[in-house]
All heavy atoms as atom14 arrays in JSON, in Angstrom:
{
  "sequence": "PQNGNLTAHLLKARYQIANYIAEDESPGLAVIDWESWR",
  "atom14_mask": [
    [1, 1, 1, 1, 1, 1, 1, 0, 0, 0, 0, 0, 0, 0],
    [1, 1, 1, 1, 1, 1, 1, 1, 1, 0, 0, 0, 0, 0],
    [1, 1, 1, 1, 1, 1, 1, 1, 0, 0, 0, 0, 0, 0],
    [1, 1, 1, 1, 0, 0, 0, 0, 0, 0, 0, 0, 0, 0],
    [1, 1, 1, 1, 1, 1, 1, 1, 0, 0, 0, 0, 0, 0],
    [1, 1, 1, 1, 1, 1, 1, 1, 0, 0, 0, 0, 0, 0],
    [1, 1, 1, 1, 1, 1, 1, 0, 0, 0, 0, 0, 0, 0],
    [1, 1, 1, 1, 1, 0, 0, 0, 0, 0, 0, 0, 0, 0],
    [1, 1, 1, 1, 1, 1, 1, 1, 1, 1, 0, 0, 0, 0],
    [1, 1, 1, 1, 1, 1, 1, 1, 0, 0, 0, 0, 0, 0],
    [1, 1, 1, 1, 1, 1, 1, 1, 0, 0, 0, 0, 0, 0],
    [1, 1, 1, 1, 1, 1, 1, 1, 1, 0, 0, 0, 0, 0],
    [1, 1, 1, 1, 1, 0, 0, 0, 0, 0, 0, 0, 0, 0],
    [1, 1, 1, 1, 1, 1, 1, 1, 1, 1, 1, 0, 0, 0],
    [1, 1, 1, 1, 1, 1, 1, 1, 1, 1, 1, 1, 0, 0],
    [1, 1, 1, 1, 1, 1, 1, 1, 1, 0, 0, 0, 0, 0],
    [1, 1, 1, 1, 1, 1, 1, 1, 0, 0, 0, 0, 0, 0],
    [1, 1, 1, 1, 1, 0, 0, 0, 0, 0, 0, 0, 0, 0],
    [1, 1, 1, 1, 1, 1, 1, 1, 0, 0, 0, 0, 0, 0],
    [1, 1, 1, 1, 1, 1, 1, 1, 1, 1, 1, 1, 0, 0],
    [1, 1, 1, 1, 1, 1, 1, 1, 0, 0, 0, 0, 0, 0],
    [1, 1, 1, 1, 1, 0, 0, 0, 0, 0, 0, 0, 0, 0],
    [1, 1, 1, 1, 1, 1, 1, 1, 1, 0, 0, 0, 0, 0],
    [1, 1, 1, 1, 1, 1, 1, 1, 0, 0, 0, 0, 0, 0],
    [1, 1, 1, 1, 1, 1, 1, 1, 1, 0, 0, 0, 0, 0],
    [1, 1, 1, 1, 1, 1, 0, 0, 0, 0, 0, 0, 0, 0],
    [1, 1, 1, 1, 1, 1, 1, 0, 0, 0, 0, 0, 0, 0],
    [1, 1, 1, 1, 0, 0, 0, 0, 0, 0, 0, 0, 0, 0],
    [1, 1, 1, 1, 1, 1, 1, 1, 0, 0, 0, 0, 0, 0],
    [1, 1, 1, 1, 1, 0, 0, 0, 0, 0, 0, 0, 0, 0],
    [1, 1, 1, 1, 1, 1, 1, 0, 0, 0, 0, 0, 0, 0],
    [1, 1, 1, 1, 1, 1, 1, 1, 0, 0, 0, 0, 0, 0],
    [1, 1, 1, 1, 1, 1, 1, 1, 0, 0, 0, 0, 0, 0],
    [1, 1, 1, 1, 1, 1, 1, 1, 1, 1, 1, 1, 1, 1],
    [1, 1, 1, 1, 1, 1, 1, 1, 1, 0, 0, 0, 0, 0],
    [1, 1, 1, 1, 1, 1, 0, 0, 0, 0, 0, 0, 0, 0],
    [1, 1, 1, 1, 1, 1, 1, 1, 1, 1, 1, 1, 1, 1],
    [1, 1, 1, 1, 1, 1, 1, 1, 1, 1, 1, 0, 0, 0]
  ],
  "atom14_positions": [
    [[2.11, 12.93, -9.72], [2.96, 11.74, -9.47], [4.42, 11.96, -9.81], [5.3, 11.41, -9.09], [2.32, 10.64, -10.3], [1.37, 11.31, -11.21], [0.94, 12.56, -10.56], [0.0, 0.0, 0.0], [0.0, 0.0, 0.0], [0.0, 0.0, 0.0], [0.0, 0.0, 0.0], [0.0, 0.0, 0.0], [0.0, 0.0, 0.0], [0.0, 0.0, 0.0]],
    [[4.74, 12.8, -10.8], [6.17, 12.97, -11.16], [6.93, 13.78, -10.13], [8.16, 13.81, -10.11], [6.29, 13.62, -12.52], [5.59, 14.95, -12.73], [4.18, 14.78, -13.32], [3.43, 13.92, -12.81], [3.83, 15.56, -14.3], [0.0, 0.0, 0.0], [0.0, 0.0, 0.0], [0.0, 0.0, 0.0], [0.0, 0.0, 0.0], [0.0, 0.0, 0.0]],
    [[6.21, 14.42, -9.22], [6.87, 15.11, -8.09], [6.78, 14.34, -6.79], [7.23, 14.85, -5.76], [6.21, 16.51, -7.89], [6.61, 17.49, -8.97], [7.56, 17.25, -9.7], [5.83, 18.53, -9.13], [0.0, 0.0, 0.0], [0.0, 0.0, 0.0], [0.0, 0.0, 0.0], [0.0, 0.0, 0.0], [0.0, 0.0, 0.0], [0.0, 0.0, 0.0]],
    [[6.26, 13.17, -6.84], [6.16, 12.34, -5.61], [7.48, 11.61, -5.31], [8.36, 11.5, -6.16], [0.0, 0.0, 0.0], [0.0, 0.0, 0.0], [0.0, 0.0, 0.0], [0.0, 0.0, 0.0], [0.0, 0.0, 0.0], [0.0, 0.0, 0.0], [0.0, 0.0, 0.0], [0.0, 0.0, 0.0], [0.0, 0.0, 0.0], [0.0, 0.0, 0.0]],
    [[7.58, 11.15, -4.08], [8.8, 10.43, -3.63], [8.43, 8.96, -3.56], [7.88, 8.47, -2.57], [9.23, 10.95, -2.26], [10.56, 10.33, -1.81], [10.88, 9.19, -2.15], [11.35, 11.1, -1.08], [0.0, 0.0, 0.0], [0.0, 0.0, 0.0], [0.0, 0.0, 0.0], [0.0, 0.0, 0.0], [0.0, 0.0, 0.0], [0.0, 0.0, 0.0]],
    [[8.73, 8.23, -4.63], [8.31, 6.85, -4.75], [8.98, 5.98, -3.67], [8.36, 5.07, -3.09], [8.64, 6.3, -6.15], [8.22, 4.86, -6.46], [6.74, 4.65, -6.25], [8.62, 4.47, -7.86], [0.0, 0.0, 0.0], [0.0, 0.0, 0.0], [0.0, 0.0, 0.0], [0.0, 0.0, 0.0], [0.0, 0.0, 0.0], [0.0, 0.0, 0.0]],
    [[10.25, 6.22, -3.4], [10.95, 5.42, -2.37], [10.33, 5.55, -1.02], [10.03, 4.56, -0.33], [12.4, 5.83, -2.34], [13.04, 5.66, -3.61], [13.2, 5.01, -1.3], [0.0, 0.0, 0.0], [0.0, 0.0, 0.0], [0.0, 0.0, 0.0], [0.0, 0.0, 0.0], [0.0, 0.0, 0.0], [0.0, 0.0, 0.0], [0.0, 0.0, 0.0]],
    [[10.08, 6.82, -0.6], [9.43, 7.03, 0.7], [8.04, 6.47, 0.73], [7.57, 5.92, 1.74], [9.41, 8.55, 0.98], [0.0, 0.0, 0.0], [0.0, 0.0, 0.0], [0.0, 0.0, 0.0], [0.0, 0.0, 0.0], [0.0, 0.0, 0.0], [0.0, 0.0, 0.0], [0.0, 0.0, 0.0], [0.0, 0.0, 0.0], [0.0, 0.0, 0.0]],
    [[7.35, 6.6, -0.41], [6.0, 6.04, -0.51], [5.99, 4.54, -0.27], [5.16, 4.03, 0.53], [5.43, 6.34, -1.9], [4.28, 5.49, -2.3], [3.01, 5.64, -1.8], [4.22, 4.43, -3.16], [2.22, 4.72, -2.31], [2.9, 3.97, -3.15], [0.0, 0.0, 0.0], [0.0, 0.0, 0.0], [0.0, 0.0, 0.0], [0.0, 0.0, 0.0]],
    [[6.88, 3.79, -0.89], [6.9, 2.37, -0.76], [7.31, 1.92, 0.64], [6.79, 0.91, 1.13], [7.83, 1.76, -1.82], [7.37, 1.93, -3.27], [8.47, 1.42, -4.25], [6.1, 1.16, -3.51], [0.0, 0.0, 0.0], [0.0, 0.0, 0.0], [0.0, 0.0, 0.0], [0.0, 0.0, 0.0], [0.0, 0.0, 0.0], [0.0, 0.0, 0.0]],
    [[8.18, 2.67, 1.24], [8.61, 2.34, 2.64], [7.43, 2.46, 3.59], [7.16, 1.6, 4.42], [9.75, 3.27, 3.09], [11.13, 2.97, 2.52], [12.11, 4.1, 2.91], [11.63, 1.63, 3.03], [0.0, 0.0, 0.0], [0.0, 0.0, 0.0], [0.0, 0.0, 0.0], [0.0, 0.0, 0.0], [0.0, 0.0, 0.0], [0.0, 0.0, 0.0]],
    [[6.67, 3.53, 3.46], [5.5, 3.73, 4.31], [4.43, 2.7, 3.97], [3.77, 2.12, 4.89], [4.93, 5.14, 4.15], [3.8, 5.43, 5.09], [3.35, 6.89, 5.02], [2.23, 7.15, 6.03], [1.75, 8.57, 5.99], [0.0, 0.0, 0.0], [0.0, 0.0, 0.0], [0.0, 0.0, 0.0], [0.0, 0.0, 0.0], [0.0, 0.0, 0.0]],
    [[4.2, 2.39, 2.7], [3.18, 1.45, 2.3], [3.5, 0.06, 2.85], [2.6, -0.65, 3.29], [3.09, 1.41, 0.77], [0.0, 0.0, 0.0], [0.0, 0.0, 0.0], [0.0, 0.0, 0.0], [0.0, 0.0, 0.0], [0.0, 0.0, 0.0], [0.0, 0.0, 0.0], [0.0, 0.0, 0.0], [0.0, 0.0, 0.0], [0.0, 0.0, 0.0]],
    [[4.8, -0.32, 2.84], [5.17, -1.64, 3.36], [4.8, -1.78, 4.83], [4.27, -2.79, 5.27], [6.66, -1.86, 3.17], [7.18, -3.15, 3.79], [8.65, -3.35, 3.5], [8.84, -3.65, 2.12], [10.06, -3.81, 1.52], [11.15, -3.63, 2.24], [10.16, -4.11, 0.25], [0.0, 0.0, 0.0], [0.0, 0.0, 0.0], [0.0, 0.0, 0.0]],
    [[5.05, -0.72, 5.59], [4.72, -0.73, 7.0], [3.2, -0.83, 7.19], [2.72, -1.61, 8.03], [5.23, 0.56, 7.68], [4.66, 0.77, 9.05], [5.19, 0.12, 10.16], [3.6, 1.66, 9.26], [4.65, 0.3, 11.42], [3.06, 1.86, 10.5], [3.59, 1.19, 11.58], [3.05, 1.4, 12.84], [0.0, 0.0, 0.0], [0.0, 0.0, 0.0]],
    [[2.42, -0.14, 6.39], [0.96, -0.14, 6.55], [0.39, -1.49, 6.14], [-0.55, -1.98, 6.8], [0.35, 0.99, 5.7], [0.67, 2.37, 6.25], [0.35, 3.47, 5.28], [0.65, 3.4, 4.07], [-0.29, 4.55, 5.76], [0.0, 0.0, 0.0], [0.0, 0.0, 0.0], [0.0, 0.0, 0.0], [0.0, 0.0, 0.0], [0.0, 0.0, 0.0]],
    [[0.93, -2.09, 5.1], [0.43, -3.42, 4.69], [0.69, -4.42, 5.79], [-0.17, -5.23, 6.15], [1.14, -3.87, 3.37], [0.64, -2.99, 2.21], [0.86, -5.34, 3.09], [1.44, -3.14, 0.96], [0.0, 0.0, 0.0], [0.0, 0.0, 0.0], [0.0, 0.0, 0.0], [0.0, 0.0, 0.0], [0.0, 0.0, 0.0], [0.0, 0.0, 0.0]],
    [[1.92, -4.39, 6.38], [2.26, -5.32, 7.43], [1.39, -5.11, 8.67], [1.1, -6.06, 9.43], [3.74, -5.15, 7.81], [0.0, 0.0, 0.0], [0.0, 0.0, 0.0], [0.0, 0.0, 0.0], [0.0, 0.0, 0.0], [0.0, 0.0, 0.0], [0.0, 0.0, 0.0], [0.0, 0.0, 0.0], [0.0, 0.0, 0.0], [0.0, 0.0, 0.0]],
    [[0.97, -3.87, 8.9], [0.17, -3.55, 10.08], [-1.25, -4.06, 10.01], [-1.84, -4.36, 11.04], [0.19, -2.03, 10.28], [-0.13, -1.62, 11.72], [0.17, -2.37, 12.66], [-0.74, -0.47, 11.88], [0.0, 0.0, 0.0], [0.0, 0.0, 0.0], [0.0, 0.0, 0.0], [0.0, 0.0, 0.0], [0.0, 0.0, 0.0], [0.0, 0.0, 0.0]],
    [[-1.79, -4.2, 8.8], [-3.19, -4.51, 8.68], [-3.48, -5.88, 8.04], [-4.62, -6.35, 8.08], [-3.95, -3.43, 7.91], [-4.01, -2.13, 8.7], [-3.17, -1.05, 8.41], [-4.82, -2.03, 9.79], [-3.22, 0.11, 9.18], [-4.92, -0.87, 10.56], [-4.09, 0.18, 10.25], [-4.12, 1.32, 11.01], [0.0, 0.0, 0.0], [0.0, 0.0, 0.0]],
    [[-2.47, -6.48, 7.45], [-2.63, -7.83, 6.91], [-1.53, -8.69, 7.47], [-0.36, -8.47, 7.14], [-2.61, -7.86, 5.36], [-3.67, -6.89, 4.79], [-2.87, -9.27, 4.89], [-3.62, -6.81, 3.27], [0.0, 0.0, 0.0], [0.0, 0.0, 0.0], [0.0, 0.0, 0.0], [0.0, 0.0, 0.0], [0.0, 0.0, 0.0], [0.0, 0.0, 0.0]],
    [[-1.85, -9.62, 8.34], [-0.83, -10.47, 8.93], [-0.12, -11.33, 7.93], [-0.7, -11.69, 6.91], [-1.47, -11.35, 10.03], [0.0, 0.0, 0.0], [0.0, 0.0, 0.0], [0.0, 0.0, 0.0], [0.0, 0.0, 0.0], [0.0, 0.0, 0.0], [0.0, 0.0, 0.0], [0.0, 0.0, 0.0], [0.0, 0.0, 0.0], [0.0, 0.0, 0.0]],
    [[1.14, -11.66, 8.21], [1.95, -12.39, 7.23], [1.38, -13.78, 6.97], [1.49, -14.27, 5.86], [3.41, -12.51, 7.79], [4.37, -12.97, 6.75], [5.82, -12.81, 7.19], [6.03, -12.33, 8.33], [6.72, -13.12, 6.42], [0.0, 0.0, 0.0], [0.0, 0.0, 0.0], [0.0, 0.0, 0.0], [0.0, 0.0, 0.0], [0.0, 0.0, 0.0]],
    [[0.8, -14.41, 8.0], [0.22, -15.75, 7.81], [-1.28, -15.72, 7.61], [-1.97, -16.68, 7.88], [0.56, -16.61, 9.03], [0.04, -16.02, 10.31], [-0.39, -14.84, 10.29], [0.08, -16.72, 11.36], [0.0, 0.0, 0.0], [0.0, 0.0, 0.0], [0.0, 0.0, 0.0], [0.0, 0.0, 0.0], [0.0, 0.0, 0.0], [0.0, 0.0, 0.0]],
    [[-1.74, -14.54, 7.15], [-3.18, -14.36, 6.95], [-3.75, -15.36, 5.94], [-3.09, -15.73, 4.95], [-3.46, -12.93, 6.46], [-4.87, -12.5, 6.58], [-5.09, -11.71, 7.87], [-4.21, -11.63, 8.69], [-6.21, -11.21, 8.0], [0.0, 0.0, 0.0], [0.0, 0.0, 0.0], [0.0, 0.0, 0.0], [0.0, 0.0, 0.0], [0.0, 0.0, 0.0]],
    [[-4.99, -15.8, 6.17], [-5.65, -16.69, 5.25], [-5.97, -15.88, 3.97], [-5.96, -14.66, 3.94], [-6.93, -17.22, 5.88], [-7.78, -16.16, 6.26], [0.0, 0.0, 0.0], [0.0, 0.0, 0.0], [0.0, 0.0, 0.0], [0.0, 0.0, 0.0], [0.0, 0.0, 0.0], [0.0, 0.0, 0.0], [0.0, 0.0, 0.0], [0.0, 0.0, 0.0]],
    [[-6.33, -16.59, 2.87], [-6.62, -15.9, 1.61], [-7.73, -14.87, 1.77], [-8.66, -15.02, 2.55], [-7.06, -17.03, 0.67], [-6.37, -18.24, 1.26], [-6.35, -18.05, 2.75], [0.0, 0.0, 0.0], [0.0, 0.0, 0.0], [0.0, 0.0, 0.0], [0.0, 0.0, 0.0], [0.0, 0.0, 0.0], [0.0, 0.0, 0.0], [0.0, 0.0, 0.0]],
    [[-7.63, -13.79, 0.97], [-8.62, -12.74, 1.02], [-8.39, -11.74, -0.09], [-7.66, -12.0, -1.06], [0.0, 0.0, 0.0], [0.0, 0.0, 0.0], [0.0, 0.0, 0.0], [0.0, 0.0, 0.0], [0.0, 0.0, 0.0], [0.0, 0.0, 0.0], [0.0, 0.0, 0.0], [0.0, 0.0, 0.0], [0.0, 0.0, 0.0], [0.0, 0.0, 0.0]],
    [[-8.95, -10.55, 0.05], [-8.89, -9.5, -0.95], [-8.23, -8.25, -0.42], [-8.44, -7.9, 0.75], [-10.31, -9.18, -1.44], [-11.16, -10.34, -1.99], [-12.54, -9.86, -2.32], [-10.45, -10.97, -3.21], [0.0, 0.0, 0.0], [0.0, 0.0, 0.0], [0.0, 0.0, 0.0], [0.0, 0.0, 0.0], [0.0, 0.0, 0.0], [0.0, 0.0, 0.0]],
    [[-7.47, -7.6, -1.27], [-6.83, -6.3, -0.91], [-7.13, -5.33, -2.04], [-6.7, -5.56, -3.18], [-5.33, -6.48, -0.71], [0.0, 0.0, 0.0], [0.0, 0.0, 0.0], [0.0, 0.0, 0.0], [0.0, 0.0, 0.0], [0.0, 0.0, 0.0], [0.0, 0.0, 0.0], [0.0, 0.0, 0.0], [0.0, 0.0, 0.0], [0.0, 0.0, 0.0]],
    [[-7.83, -4.27, -1.7], [-8.3, -3.28, -2.72], [-7.62, -1.97, -2.47], [-7.67, -1.41, -1.37], [-9.86, -3.11, -2.62], [-10.33, -2.22, -3.75], [-10.54, -4.44, -2.67], [0.0, 0.0, 0.0], [0.0, 0.0, 0.0], [0.0, 0.0, 0.0], [0.0, 0.0, 0.0], [0.0, 0.0, 0.0], [0.0, 0.0, 0.0], [0.0, 0.0, 0.0]],
    [[-6.99, -1.43, -3.53], [-6.38, -0.12, -3.48], [-7.34, 0.85, -4.12], [-7.65, 0.75, -5.33], [-5.02, -0.12, -4.19], [-4.09, -1.17, -3.63], [-4.36, 1.27, -4.07], [-2.79, -1.35, -4.39], [0.0, 0.0, 0.0], [0.0, 0.0, 0.0], [0.0, 0.0, 0.0], [0.0, 0.0, 0.0], [0.0, 0.0, 0.0], [0.0, 0.0, 0.0]],
    [[-7.78, 1.85, -3.37], [-8.79, 2.79, -3.88], [-8.1, 4.16, -4.06], [-8.12, 4.99, -3.18], [-9.95, 2.91, -2.89], [-11.09, 3.77, -3.44], [-10.97, 4.21, -4.61], [-12.08, 3.99, -2.74], [0.0, 0.0, 0.0], [0.0, 0.0, 0.0], [0.0, 0.0, 0.0], [0.0, 0.0, 0.0], [0.0, 0.0, 0.0], [0.0, 0.0, 0.0]],
    [[-7.52, 4.36, -5.23], [-6.9, 5.64, -5.61], [-7.72, 6.24, -6.74], [-7.75, 5.71, -7.82], [-5.48, 5.38, -6.12], [-4.49, 5.05, -5.05], [-4.7, 4.95, -3.72], [-3.1, 4.79, -5.23], [-3.55, 4.61, -3.05], [-2.51, 4.5, -3.95], [-2.23, 4.74, -6.34], [-1.2, 4.2, -3.8], [-0.89, 4.44, -6.2], [-0.39, 4.19, -4.9]],
    [[-8.34, 7.36, -6.45], [-9.25, 7.92, -7.45], [-8.97, 9.38, -7.85], [-9.7, 9.91, -8.72], [-10.73, 7.85, -6.9], [-11.2, 6.45, -6.63], [-12.64, 6.43, -6.13], [-13.49, 7.04, -6.79], [-12.9, 5.79, -5.11], [0.0, 0.0, 0.0], [0.0, 0.0, 0.0], [0.0, 0.0, 0.0], [0.0, 0.0, 0.0], [0.0, 0.0, 0.0]],
    [[-7.96, 9.99, -7.29], [-7.74, 11.42, -7.58], [-7.27, 11.64, -9.01], [-7.67, 12.63, -9.64], [-6.74, 11.99, -6.59], [-7.31, 12.15, -5.31], [0.0, 0.0, 0.0], [0.0, 0.0, 0.0], [0.0, 0.0, 0.0], [0.0, 0.0, 0.0], [0.0, 0.0, 0.0], [0.0, 0.0, 0.0], [0.0, 0.0, 0.0], [0.0, 0.0, 0.0]],
    [[-6.44, 10.77, -9.52], [-5.99, 10.86, -10.92], [-5.98, 9.46, -11.54], [-5.99, 8.49, -10.84], [-4.62, 11.51, -11.04], [-3.57, 11.0, -10.08], [-3.21, 11.57, -8.91], [-2.74, 9.84, -10.24], [-2.18, 10.82, -8.26], [-1.89, 9.76, -9.09], [-2.63, 8.86, -11.2], [-0.94, 8.76, -8.9], [-1.67, 7.84, -11.03], [-0.87, 7.79, -9.89]],
    [[-5.98, 9.45, -12.86], [-5.94, 8.19, -13.59], [-4.59, 8.13, -14.31], [-4.04, 9.14, -14.74], [-7.08, 8.1, -14.63], [-8.46, 8.22, -13.92], [-9.58, 8.0, -14.93], [-10.91, 8.16, -14.3], [-11.7, 9.22, -14.5], [-11.33, 10.16, -15.36], [-12.86, 9.31, -13.89], [0.0, 0.0, 0.0], [0.0, 0.0, 0.0], [0.0, 0.0, 0.0]]
  ]
}
């Protein structure tokens, strides 16, 4: 993680979130499954 690009990561993540969860979406669950490191 210390060698990752956090800014680029967040920019891409924002696009992906918008693509799969509509802005006016009804209530629900969003699960982030990151398991490679703790």
